[in-house]
Amino acid sequence: MRTAEVHYGANGQIDLTVPKGTKLEDVTKLQALVLRQINPRGCQACLSGVHFNIREKLEEVINVDLEKMAITKAAVAQH
């Protein structure tokens, strides 16, 4: 199953991460769906200040423990 990740920040910013190869047509449908969930009755003026960042999901390379400042998992493929 292909899934997208949606994150909403306190400053009104939406980050949408889609799987690699997602078509622009599908992204625009998803954008409309997400905006309806956040502001179901929103007019264009109400939604004009919402920052909507769309990006393609990157492959996970490493996990870092921020408290220890140490790499906890490395998934770098050897080429």
Protein backbone atom coordinates (compact mmCIF):
# COMPACT_ATOMS: atom_id res chain seq x y z
CA MET A 1 0.00 0.00 0.00
CA ARG A 2 1.31 3.44 -0.93
CA THR A 3 0.86 6.09 1.74
CA ALA A 4 1.56 9.78 2.09
CA GLU A 5 2.59 11.59 5.27
CA VAL A 6 0.87 14.82 6.29
CA HIS A 7 2.29 17.03 9.04
CA TYR A 8 0.63 20.22 10.29
CA GLY A 9 2.66 22.82 12.16
CA ALA A 10 1.45 25.35 14.72
CA ASN A 11 2.33 28.18 12.34
CA GLY A 12 -0.18 26.99 9.74
CA GLN A 13 2.31 25.09 7.61
CA ILE A 14 1.39 21.77 6.00
CA ASP A 15 4.09 19.33 4.90
CA LEU A 16 2.96 16.62 2.51
CA THR A 17 5.40 13.82 1.69
CA VAL A 18 4.40 11.50 -1.14
CA PRO A 19 6.01 8.27 -2.35
CA LYS A 20 8.48 8.41 -5.23
CA GLY A 21 6.71 8.37 -8.59
CA THR A 22 3.46 9.97 -7.41
CA LYS A 23 1.73 11.76 -10.29
CA LEU A 24 1.04 15.49 -10.06
CA GLU A 25 -2.65 14.78 -10.70
CA ASP A 26 -2.76 12.62 -7.56
CA VAL A 27 -0.89 15.26 -5.54
CA THR A 28 -3.44 17.94 -6.44
CA LYS A 29 -6.33 15.65 -5.42
CA LEU A 30 -4.55 14.91 -2.14
CA GLN A 31 -3.91 18.61 -1.54
CA ALA A 32 -7.63 19.37 -1.90
CA LEU A 33 -8.53 16.50 0.46
CA VAL A 34 -6.05 17.64 3.12
CA LEU A 35 -7.22 21.26 2.98
CA ARG A 36 -10.87 20.16 3.40
CA GLN A 37 -9.90 18.21 6.53
CA ILE A 38 -8.04 21.15 8.07
CA ASN A 39 -10.53 23.85 7.14
CA PRO A 40 -13.74 22.29 5.76
CA ARG A 41 -15.48 25.61 5.04
CA GLY A 42 -12.38 27.56 4.07
CA CYS A 43 -12.69 30.10 1.32
CA GLN A 44 -9.70 31.09 -0.79
CA ALA A 45 -9.05 34.12 1.42
CA CYS A 46 -9.05 31.92 4.54
CA LEU A 47 -6.62 29.43 2.99
CA SER A 48 -4.32 31.99 1.37
CA GLY A 49 -1.96 32.06 4.37
CA VAL A 50 -1.53 28.27 4.58
CA HIS A 51 1.95 27.21 3.47
CA PHE A 52 1.69 23.87 1.68
CA ASN A 53 5.03 22.12 1.11
CA ILE A 54 5.02 19.05 -1.12
CA ARG A 55 8.02 16.76 -1.41
CA GLU A 56 8.90 13.29 -2.53
CA LYS A 57 9.73 10.80 0.19
CA LEU A 58 13.43 10.10 0.46
CA GLU A 59 14.92 6.76 1.32
CA GLU A 60 15.81 6.39 5.00
CA VAL A 61 19.56 6.42 5.34
CA ILE A 62 20.36 6.80 9.05
CA ASN A 63 18.66 7.35 12.38
CA VAL A 64 20.35 9.63 14.89
CA ASP A 65 19.78 9.69 18.66
CA LEU A 66 19.76 13.45 19.28
CA GLU A 67 20.41 13.19 23.02
CA LYS A 68 23.51 11.03 22.56
CA MET A 69 24.43 12.54 19.18
CA ALA A 70 25.06 9.04 17.89
CA ILE A 71 23.94 7.09 14.86
CA THR A 72 21.56 4.36 15.99
CA LYS A 73 20.83 2.75 12.64
CA ALA A 74 22.66 2.96 9.35
CA ALA A 75 20.86 1.72 6.26
CA VAL A 76 23.32 2.89 3.65
CA ALA A 77 23.48 0.47 0.75
CA GLN A 78 26.89 -0.49 -0.52
CA HIS A 79 27.14 0.17 -4.26
